[in-house]
Amino acid sequence: IAYFDELGVKREIATDKIWGFARNGSLYYRIGQKFNRIMIVGSICHFIGTVTTYNPRYYNPYIYDYYTYPYSPYYYGYPSSTMETQEAKQFLMDFETGQVFEYTVKNVEALLIRDPQLYEEFMALSNRKKKQLQFMYIRRFNERNPLYLPANNQ
């Protein structure tokens, strides 16, 4: 990533050395080798990231030839059956600590505990309602606990 420092000199930094960056008023967070835009910026941030998953038990019936003889000169052994897929997952980031969590009810509960009144209200809900309203409670948490970022006056 290239940027200009306070003296106007162009600098470059390796992407694996930074956790994120801001560009044109948008905040980006790195997961793996990709940067994902944080859609909801607040004390609790919400974003969608692309994650590579590997399934070592994937079975492809077209890979294995039933009639291949292991001692044949044309036999190459069984190819790897690991399947790699790209998945879009939802994440939460606690801006206070910088920790990133998967978007689950349990993790929302853990993050809401810093606001006792909101936490008690959330815990009184049924599991089904918690799942339906967890995003709304994140927004309410951010309204009650605003995030203040320093302004860039350049």
N, C-alpha and C. Protein backbone atom coordinates (compact mmCIF):
# COMPACT_ATOMS: atom_id res chain seq x y z
N ILE A 1 0.86 -1.17 0.00
CA ILE A 1 0.00 0.00 0.00
C ILE A 1 0.90 1.23 0.00
N ALA A 2 0.57 2.17 -0.85
CA ALA A 2 1.34 3.41 -0.93
C ALA A 2 0.56 4.54 -0.27
N TYR A 3 1.27 5.41 0.42
CA TYR A 3 0.65 6.57 1.07
C TYR A 3 1.67 7.71 1.11
N PHE A 4 1.18 8.91 1.39
CA PHE A 4 2.05 10.08 1.52
C PHE A 4 2.14 10.45 2.99
N ASP A 5 3.37 10.60 3.49
CA ASP A 5 3.55 10.96 4.89
C ASP A 5 3.31 12.45 5.10
N GLU A 6 3.55 12.95 6.32
CA GLU A 6 3.26 14.35 6.65
C GLU A 6 4.14 15.35 5.89
N LEU A 7 5.26 14.89 5.33
CA LEU A 7 6.12 15.76 4.53
C LEU A 7 5.80 15.67 3.03
N GLY A 8 4.84 14.84 2.67
CA GLY A 8 4.45 14.70 1.27
C GLY A 8 5.28 13.68 0.50
N VAL A 9 6.09 12.90 1.22
CA VAL A 9 6.93 11.89 0.59
C VAL A 9 6.12 10.59 0.46
N LYS A 10 6.18 10.00 -0.73
CA LYS A 10 5.44 8.76 -0.96
C LYS A 10 6.15 7.61 -0.27
N ARG A 11 5.41 6.87 0.51
CA ARG A 11 5.94 5.71 1.24
C ARG A 11 5.14 4.47 0.85
N GLU A 12 5.77 3.33 0.94
CA GLU A 12 5.08 2.07 0.69
C GLU A 12 5.27 1.16 1.89
N ILE A 13 4.23 0.39 2.17
CA ILE A 13 4.28 -0.55 3.29
C ILE A 13 3.66 -1.86 2.84
N ALA A 14 4.24 -2.97 3.30
CA ALA A 14 3.71 -4.29 2.95
C ALA A 14 2.35 -4.48 3.60
N THR A 15 1.43 -5.08 2.87
CA THR A 15 0.06 -5.24 3.38
C THR A 15 0.00 -6.18 4.58
N ASP A 16 0.95 -7.09 4.72
CA ASP A 16 0.90 -8.00 5.87
C ASP A 16 1.40 -7.33 7.16
N LYS A 17 1.87 -6.09 7.06
CA LYS A 17 2.35 -5.35 8.24
C LYS A 17 1.26 -4.48 8.86
N ILE A 18 0.11 -4.36 8.21
CA ILE A 18 -0.95 -3.49 8.73
C ILE A 18 -2.24 -4.29 8.91
N TRP A 19 -3.07 -3.85 9.84
CA TRP A 19 -4.35 -4.53 10.07
C TRP A 19 -5.46 -3.92 9.24
N GLY A 20 -5.28 -2.66 8.82
CA GLY A 20 -6.32 -2.01 8.04
C GLY A 20 -5.87 -0.62 7.61
N PHE A 21 -6.75 0.05 6.89
CA PHE A 21 -6.47 1.41 6.45
C PHE A 21 -7.78 2.13 6.16
N ALA A 22 -7.69 3.46 6.05
CA ALA A 22 -8.86 4.28 5.71
C ALA A 22 -8.60 4.92 4.35
N ARG A 23 -9.65 4.96 3.53
CA ARG A 23 -9.52 5.55 2.20
C ARG A 23 -10.85 6.18 1.81
N ASN A 24 -10.82 7.45 1.48
CA ASN A 24 -12.02 8.19 1.08
C ASN A 24 -13.15 8.05 2.10
N GLY A 25 -12.81 8.09 3.36
CA GLY A 25 -13.82 8.03 4.41
C GLY A 25 -14.30 6.63 4.75
N SER A 26 -13.76 5.61 4.11
CA SER A 26 -14.15 4.22 4.39
C SER A 26 -13.01 3.51 5.09
N LEU A 27 -13.35 2.62 6.01
CA LEU A 27 -12.37 1.87 6.78
C LEU A 27 -12.32 0.44 6.25
N TYR A 28 -11.10 -0.09 6.09
CA TYR A 28 -10.90 -1.44 5.57
C TYR A 28 -10.11 -2.25 6.58
N TYR A 29 -10.47 -3.53 6.73
CA TYR A 29 -9.81 -4.43 7.67
C TYR A 29 -9.28 -5.63 6.90
N ARG A 30 -8.08 -6.10 7.27
CA ARG A 30 -7.45 -7.22 6.57
C ARG A 30 -7.80 -8.54 7.24
N ILE A 31 -8.30 -9.46 6.43
CA ILE A 31 -8.49 -10.85 6.85
C ILE A 31 -7.77 -11.69 5.81
N GLY A 32 -6.76 -12.45 6.25
CA GLY A 32 -5.94 -13.20 5.29
C GLY A 32 -5.13 -12.21 4.48
N GLN A 33 -5.24 -12.29 3.17
CA GLN A 33 -4.52 -11.38 2.29
C GLN A 33 -5.43 -10.35 1.64
N LYS A 34 -6.70 -10.31 2.05
CA LYS A 34 -7.67 -9.40 1.43
C LYS A 34 -8.15 -8.36 2.44
N PHE A 35 -8.43 -7.17 1.93
CA PHE A 35 -8.99 -6.11 2.75
C PHE A 35 -10.48 -6.03 2.50
N ASN A 36 -11.24 -5.95 3.58
CA ASN A 36 -12.70 -5.92 3.51
C ASN A 36 -13.19 -4.62 4.11
N ARG A 37 -14.15 -4.02 3.45
CA ARG A 37 -14.69 -2.73 3.91
C ARG A 37 -15.58 -2.94 5.12
N ILE A 38 -15.35 -2.14 6.14
CA ILE A 38 -16.18 -2.17 7.34
C ILE A 38 -17.41 -1.32 7.05
N MET A 39 -18.56 -1.96 7.03
CA MET A 39 -19.80 -1.27 6.66
C MET A 39 -20.35 -0.44 7.82
N ILE A 40 -20.34 -0.98 9.02
CA ILE A 40 -20.84 -0.28 10.20
C ILE A 40 -19.63 0.04 11.08
N VAL A 41 -19.28 1.32 11.17
CA VAL A 41 -18.15 1.74 11.99
C VAL A 41 -18.71 2.30 13.29
N GLY A 42 -18.23 1.77 14.40
CA GLY A 42 -18.65 2.22 15.71
C GLY A 42 -17.79 1.54 16.75
N SER A 43 -18.22 1.59 17.99
CA SER A 43 -17.49 0.89 19.05
C SER A 43 -17.45 -0.60 18.75
N ILE A 44 -18.56 -1.10 18.16
CA ILE A 44 -18.60 -2.46 17.62
C ILE A 44 -18.81 -2.31 16.12
N CYS A 45 -17.84 -2.76 15.35
CA CYS A 45 -17.92 -2.66 13.89
C CYS A 45 -18.45 -3.96 13.31
N HIS A 46 -19.14 -3.85 12.19
CA HIS A 46 -19.67 -5.02 11.49
C HIS A 46 -19.16 -4.98 10.06
N PHE A 47 -18.67 -6.13 9.57
CA PHE A 47 -18.25 -6.19 8.18
C PHE A 47 -18.36 -7.62 7.66
N ILE A 48 -18.33 -7.73 6.35
CA ILE A 48 -18.39 -9.03 5.69
C ILE A 48 -17.03 -9.27 5.07
N GLY A 49 -16.45 -10.43 5.35
CA GLY A 49 -15.14 -10.77 4.83
C GLY A 49 -15.16 -12.07 4.06
N THR A 50 -14.25 -12.19 3.11
CA THR A 50 -14.13 -13.41 2.33
C THR A 50 -13.05 -14.27 2.97
N VAL A 51 -13.41 -15.50 3.30
CA VAL A 51 -12.50 -16.42 3.98
C VAL A 51 -12.32 -17.66 3.12
N THR A 52 -11.08 -18.14 3.02
CA THR A 52 -10.80 -19.38 2.30
C THR A 52 -10.92 -20.54 3.27
N THR A 53 -11.74 -21.51 2.92
CA THR A 53 -11.89 -22.70 3.76
C THR A 53 -11.42 -23.92 2.98
N TYR A 54 -10.89 -24.89 3.69
CA TYR A 54 -10.40 -26.12 3.08
C TYR A 54 -11.17 -27.29 3.67
N ASN A 55 -11.69 -28.14 2.82
CA ASN A 55 -12.41 -29.32 3.27
C ASN A 55 -11.62 -30.55 2.85
N PRO A 56 -10.86 -31.15 3.77
CA PRO A 56 -10.01 -32.29 3.41
C PRO A 56 -10.80 -33.57 3.14
N ARG A 57 -12.04 -33.62 3.51
CA ARG A 57 -12.82 -34.84 3.32
C ARG A 57 -13.73 -34.77 2.10
N TYR A 58 -13.49 -33.82 1.25
CA TYR A 58 -14.31 -33.69 0.05
C TYR A 58 -14.11 -34.91 -0.83
N TYR A 59 -15.18 -35.51 -1.28
CA TYR A 59 -15.10 -36.68 -2.14
C TYR A 59 -15.59 -36.31 -3.53
N ASN A 60 -14.75 -36.47 -4.51
CA ASN A 60 -15.12 -36.23 -5.89
C ASN A 60 -15.12 -37.58 -6.59
N PRO A 61 -16.28 -38.09 -6.98
CA PRO A 61 -16.34 -39.42 -7.59
C PRO A 61 -15.65 -39.50 -8.94
N TYR A 62 -15.36 -38.36 -9.57
CA TYR A 62 -14.74 -38.37 -10.89
C TYR A 62 -13.22 -38.42 -10.82
N ILE A 63 -12.65 -38.23 -9.64
CA ILE A 63 -11.20 -38.27 -9.50
C ILE A 63 -10.69 -39.71 -9.50
N TYR A 64 -11.36 -40.59 -8.80
CA TYR A 64 -10.88 -41.95 -8.61
C TYR A 64 -11.38 -42.86 -9.73
N ASP A 65 -10.46 -43.48 -10.39
CA ASP A 65 -10.81 -44.40 -11.46
C ASP A 65 -10.87 -45.81 -10.87
N TYR A 66 -12.01 -46.42 -10.94
CA TYR A 66 -12.23 -47.74 -10.35
C TYR A 66 -11.35 -48.79 -11.00
N TYR A 67 -11.04 -48.61 -12.27
CA TYR A 67 -10.33 -49.65 -13.02
C TYR A 67 -8.82 -49.44 -13.08
N THR A 68 -8.30 -48.41 -12.43
CA THR A 68 -6.86 -48.16 -12.47
C THR A 68 -6.14 -49.19 -11.61
N TYR A 69 -5.13 -49.80 -12.21
CA TYR A 69 -4.32 -50.79 -11.50
C TYR A 69 -3.11 -50.09 -10.90
N PRO A 70 -2.84 -50.28 -9.60
CA PRO A 70 -1.75 -49.53 -8.95
C PRO A 70 -0.37 -49.79 -9.54
N TYR A 71 -0.16 -50.94 -10.20
CA TYR A 71 1.17 -51.24 -10.73
C TYR A 71 1.29 -50.88 -12.21
N SER A 72 0.31 -50.22 -12.72
CA SER A 72 0.33 -49.79 -14.12
C SER A 72 1.33 -48.66 -14.30
N PRO A 73 2.02 -48.61 -15.45
CA PRO A 73 2.96 -47.50 -15.68
C PRO A 73 2.25 -46.15 -15.81
N TYR A 74 0.94 -46.18 -16.02
CA TYR A 74 0.17 -44.94 -16.17
C TYR A 74 -0.49 -44.51 -14.86
N TYR A 75 -0.20 -45.24 -13.80
CA TYR A 75 -0.82 -44.95 -12.50
C TYR A 75 -0.06 -43.82 -11.82
N TYR A 76 -0.75 -42.79 -11.39
CA TYR A 76 -0.12 -41.64 -10.74
C TYR A 76 -0.52 -41.50 -9.28
N GLY A 77 -1.23 -42.45 -8.75
CA GLY A 77 -1.69 -42.33 -7.37
C GLY A 77 -2.95 -41.49 -7.32
N TYR A 78 -3.53 -41.44 -6.17
CA TYR A 78 -4.76 -40.67 -6.02
C TYR A 78 -4.43 -39.20 -5.84
N PRO A 79 -5.09 -38.35 -6.58
CA PRO A 79 -4.85 -36.92 -6.38
C PRO A 79 -5.46 -36.45 -5.06
N SER A 80 -5.00 -35.33 -4.61
CA SER A 80 -5.52 -34.78 -3.36
C SER A 80 -7.00 -34.45 -3.51
N SER A 81 -7.75 -34.79 -2.50
CA SER A 81 -9.19 -34.53 -2.58
C SER A 81 -9.60 -33.36 -1.68
N THR A 82 -8.64 -32.52 -1.32
CA THR A 82 -8.96 -31.36 -0.51
C THR A 82 -9.64 -30.31 -1.39
N MET A 83 -10.76 -29.81 -0.91
CA MET A 83 -11.50 -28.81 -1.68
C MET A 83 -11.35 -27.45 -1.02
N GLU A 84 -11.00 -26.46 -1.82
CA GLU A 84 -10.83 -25.09 -1.33
C GLU A 84 -12.01 -24.26 -1.82
N THR A 85 -12.64 -23.54 -0.90
CA THR A 85 -13.77 -22.69 -1.28
C THR A 85 -13.62 -21.31 -0.64
N GLN A 86 -14.22 -20.34 -1.27
CA GLN A 86 -14.27 -18.98 -0.75
C GLN A 86 -15.65 -18.76 -0.15
N GLU A 87 -15.69 -18.34 1.10
CA GLU A 87 -16.96 -18.10 1.78
C GLU A 87 -17.02 -16.66 2.26
N ALA A 88 -18.20 -16.07 2.14
CA ALA A 88 -18.43 -14.74 2.72
C ALA A 88 -18.98 -14.96 4.12
N LYS A 89 -18.32 -14.38 5.11
CA LYS A 89 -18.75 -14.52 6.50
C LYS A 89 -18.88 -13.14 7.12
N GLN A 90 -19.76 -13.06 8.10
CA GLN A 90 -19.95 -11.80 8.82
C GLN A 90 -19.05 -11.79 10.06
N PHE A 91 -18.48 -10.63 10.33
CA PHE A 91 -17.58 -10.47 11.46
C PHE A 91 -17.95 -9.23 12.27
N LEU A 92 -17.51 -9.24 13.52
CA LEU A 92 -17.62 -8.09 14.42
C LEU A 92 -16.22 -7.73 14.86
N MET A 93 -15.95 -6.44 14.98
CA MET A 93 -14.67 -6.00 15.51
C MET A 93 -14.93 -5.08 16.69
N ASP A 94 -14.30 -5.40 17.80
CA ASP A 94 -14.35 -4.54 18.98
C ASP A 94 -13.28 -3.47 18.80
N PHE A 95 -13.70 -2.24 18.54
CA PHE A 95 -12.74 -1.18 18.24
C PHE A 95 -11.88 -0.84 19.44
N GLU A 96 -12.36 -1.11 20.63
CA GLU A 96 -11.61 -0.81 21.85
C GLU A 96 -10.38 -1.71 21.98
N THR A 97 -10.54 -3.00 21.65
CA THR A 97 -9.44 -3.96 21.79
C THR A 97 -8.82 -4.36 20.46
N GLY A 98 -9.54 -4.16 19.36
CA GLY A 98 -9.05 -4.57 18.04
C GLY A 98 -9.32 -6.03 17.72
N GLN A 99 -9.99 -6.74 18.63
CA GLN A 99 -10.28 -8.15 18.39
C GLN A 99 -11.41 -8.31 17.38
N VAL A 100 -11.31 -9.37 16.58
CA VAL A 100 -12.34 -9.68 15.57
C VAL A 100 -13.00 -11.00 15.96
N PHE A 101 -14.32 -11.01 15.84
CA PHE A 101 -15.12 -12.18 16.20
C PHE A 101 -16.07 -12.51 15.06
N GLU A 102 -16.47 -13.78 14.99
CA GLU A 102 -17.53 -14.14 14.05
C GLU A 102 -18.84 -13.56 14.56
N TYR A 103 -19.74 -13.29 13.65
CA TYR A 103 -21.03 -12.68 13.97
C TYR A 103 -21.98 -13.76 14.48
N THR A 104 -21.93 -14.01 15.79
CA THR A 104 -22.81 -14.99 16.43
C THR A 104 -23.48 -14.34 17.63
N VAL A 105 -24.56 -14.95 18.09
CA VAL A 105 -25.28 -14.43 19.25
C VAL A 105 -24.36 -14.41 20.47
N LYS A 106 -23.59 -15.46 20.68
CA LYS A 106 -22.68 -15.53 21.84
C LYS A 106 -21.66 -14.39 21.83
N ASN A 107 -21.13 -14.09 20.65
CA ASN A 107 -20.15 -13.00 20.57
C ASN A 107 -20.79 -11.63 20.75
N VAL A 108 -22.02 -11.47 20.27
CA VAL A 108 -22.75 -10.22 20.50
C VAL A 108 -22.99 -10.04 21.99
N GLU A 109 -23.38 -11.12 22.67
CA GLU A 109 -23.57 -11.07 24.13
C GLU A 109 -22.29 -10.62 24.82
N ALA A 110 -21.16 -11.20 24.41
CA ALA A 110 -19.88 -10.87 25.04
C ALA A 110 -19.50 -9.40 24.83
N LEU A 111 -19.85 -8.84 23.68
CA LEU A 111 -19.52 -7.45 23.40
C LEU A 111 -20.48 -6.47 24.08
N LEU A 112 -21.74 -6.87 24.23
CA LEU A 112 -22.74 -5.99 24.85
C LEU A 112 -22.57 -5.88 26.36
N ILE A 113 -21.78 -6.75 26.97
CA ILE A 113 -21.65 -6.77 28.43
C ILE A 113 -21.07 -5.46 28.97
N ARG A 114 -20.42 -4.66 28.13
CA ARG A 114 -19.86 -3.37 28.57
C ARG A 114 -20.94 -2.33 28.84
N ASP A 115 -22.16 -2.56 28.34
CA ASP A 115 -23.30 -1.67 28.60
C ASP A 115 -24.32 -2.49 29.39
N PRO A 116 -24.27 -2.45 30.73
CA PRO A 116 -25.09 -3.33 31.57
C PRO A 116 -26.59 -3.26 31.28
N GLN A 117 -27.12 -2.07 31.06
CA GLN A 117 -28.56 -1.94 30.81
C GLN A 117 -28.95 -2.61 29.49
N LEU A 118 -28.20 -2.37 28.45
CA LEU A 118 -28.48 -2.97 27.15
C LEU A 118 -28.26 -4.49 27.19
N TYR A 119 -27.24 -4.91 27.94
CA TYR A 119 -26.94 -6.34 28.08
C TYR A 119 -28.10 -7.07 28.76
N GLU A 120 -28.61 -6.51 29.85
CA GLU A 120 -29.74 -7.13 30.56
C GLU A 120 -30.97 -7.22 29.67
N GLU A 121 -31.21 -6.17 28.92
CA GLU A 121 -32.35 -6.16 28.00
C GLU A 121 -32.20 -7.25 26.94
N PHE A 122 -30.99 -7.40 26.41
CA PHE A 122 -30.72 -8.41 25.38
C PHE A 122 -30.84 -9.82 25.96
N MET A 123 -30.34 -10.02 27.17
CA MET A 123 -30.36 -11.35 27.78
C MET A 123 -31.78 -11.79 28.15
N ALA A 124 -32.70 -10.85 28.31
CA ALA A 124 -34.09 -11.18 28.65
C ALA A 124 -34.85 -11.72 27.44
N LEU A 125 -34.30 -11.55 26.24
CA LEU A 125 -34.96 -12.03 25.03
C LEU A 125 -34.82 -13.54 24.88
N SER A 126 -35.74 -14.14 24.14
CA SER A 126 -35.62 -15.57 23.82
C SER A 126 -34.48 -15.74 22.81
N ASN A 127 -33.99 -16.95 22.67
CA ASN A 127 -32.88 -17.20 21.73
C ASN A 127 -33.25 -16.81 20.31
N ARG A 128 -34.49 -17.06 19.93
CA ARG A 128 -34.95 -16.72 18.59
C ARG A 128 -34.94 -15.20 18.38
N LYS A 129 -35.42 -14.46 19.37
CA LYS A 129 -35.44 -13.00 19.28
C LYS A 129 -34.02 -12.43 19.29
N LYS A 130 -33.13 -13.05 20.07
CA LYS A 130 -31.73 -12.60 20.10
C LYS A 130 -31.13 -12.67 18.70
N LYS A 131 -31.37 -13.79 18.03
CA LYS A 131 -30.82 -13.98 16.69
C LYS A 131 -31.41 -12.96 15.71
N GLN A 132 -32.69 -12.66 15.85
CA GLN A 132 -33.34 -11.72 14.94
C GLN A 132 -32.92 -10.28 15.21
N LEU A 133 -32.68 -9.93 16.47
CA LEU A 133 -32.45 -8.53 16.84
C LEU A 133 -31.00 -8.18 17.16
N GLN A 134 -30.07 -9.11 16.99
CA GLN A 134 -28.69 -8.84 17.39
C GLN A 134 -28.08 -7.65 16.63
N PHE A 135 -28.43 -7.48 15.37
CA PHE A 135 -27.89 -6.35 14.62
C PHE A 135 -28.43 -5.02 15.17
N MET A 136 -29.71 -5.00 15.53
CA MET A 136 -30.31 -3.80 16.10
C MET A 136 -29.64 -3.44 17.42
N TYR A 137 -29.30 -4.44 18.23
CA TYR A 137 -28.64 -4.18 19.51
C TYR A 137 -27.21 -3.66 19.31
N ILE A 138 -26.55 -4.10 18.26
CA ILE A 138 -25.22 -3.55 17.96
C ILE A 138 -25.35 -2.07 17.62
N ARG A 139 -26.34 -1.72 16.83
CA ARG A 139 -26.57 -0.31 16.48
C ARG A 139 -26.90 0.52 17.72
N ARG A 140 -27.74 -0.02 18.59
CA ARG A 140 -28.09 0.69 19.82
C ARG A 140 -26.86 0.87 20.71
N PHE A 141 -26.02 -0.16 20.79
CA PHE A 141 -24.78 -0.07 21.57
C PHE A 141 -23.91 1.06 21.02
N ASN A 142 -23.79 1.13 19.70
CA ASN A 142 -22.96 2.17 19.07
C ASN A 142 -23.54 3.56 19.29
N GLU A 143 -24.86 3.68 19.35
CA GLU A 143 -25.48 4.98 19.63
C GLU A 143 -25.22 5.41 21.07
N ARG A 144 -25.28 4.46 21.98
CA ARG A 144 -25.09 4.76 23.40
C ARG A 144 -23.62 4.90 23.78
N ASN A 145 -22.73 4.28 23.02
CA ASN A 145 -21.29 4.31 23.28
C ASN A 145 -20.57 4.74 22.00
N PRO A 146 -20.62 6.03 21.67
CA PRO A 146 -20.06 6.47 20.38
C PRO A 146 -18.55 6.31 20.31
N LEU A 147 -18.09 6.13 19.09
CA LEU A 147 -16.66 6.01 18.81
C LEU A 147 -16.16 7.37 18.34
N TYR A 148 -15.11 7.85 18.95
CA TYR A 148 -14.52 9.14 18.57
C TYR A 148 -13.17 8.88 17.93
N LEU A 149 -13.03 9.33 16.69
CA LEU A 149 -11.77 9.21 15.96
C LEU A 149 -11.17 10.60 15.78
N PRO A 150 -9.84 10.71 15.83
CA PRO A 150 -9.23 12.03 15.62
C PRO A 150 -9.41 12.49 14.18
N ALA A 151 -9.58 13.78 14.00
CA ALA A 151 -9.76 14.35 12.67
C ALA A 151 -8.40 14.58 12.02
N ASN A 152 -8.34 14.39 10.71
CA ASN A 152 -7.14 14.67 9.95
C ASN A 152 -7.31 16.07 9.37
N ASN A 153 -6.59 17.04 9.89
CA ASN A 153 -6.78 18.44 9.52
C ASN A 153 -5.87 18.89 8.39
N GLN A 154 -5.51 18.01 7.51
CA GLN A 154 -4.62 18.39 6.40
C GLN A 154 -5.42 18.72 5.18
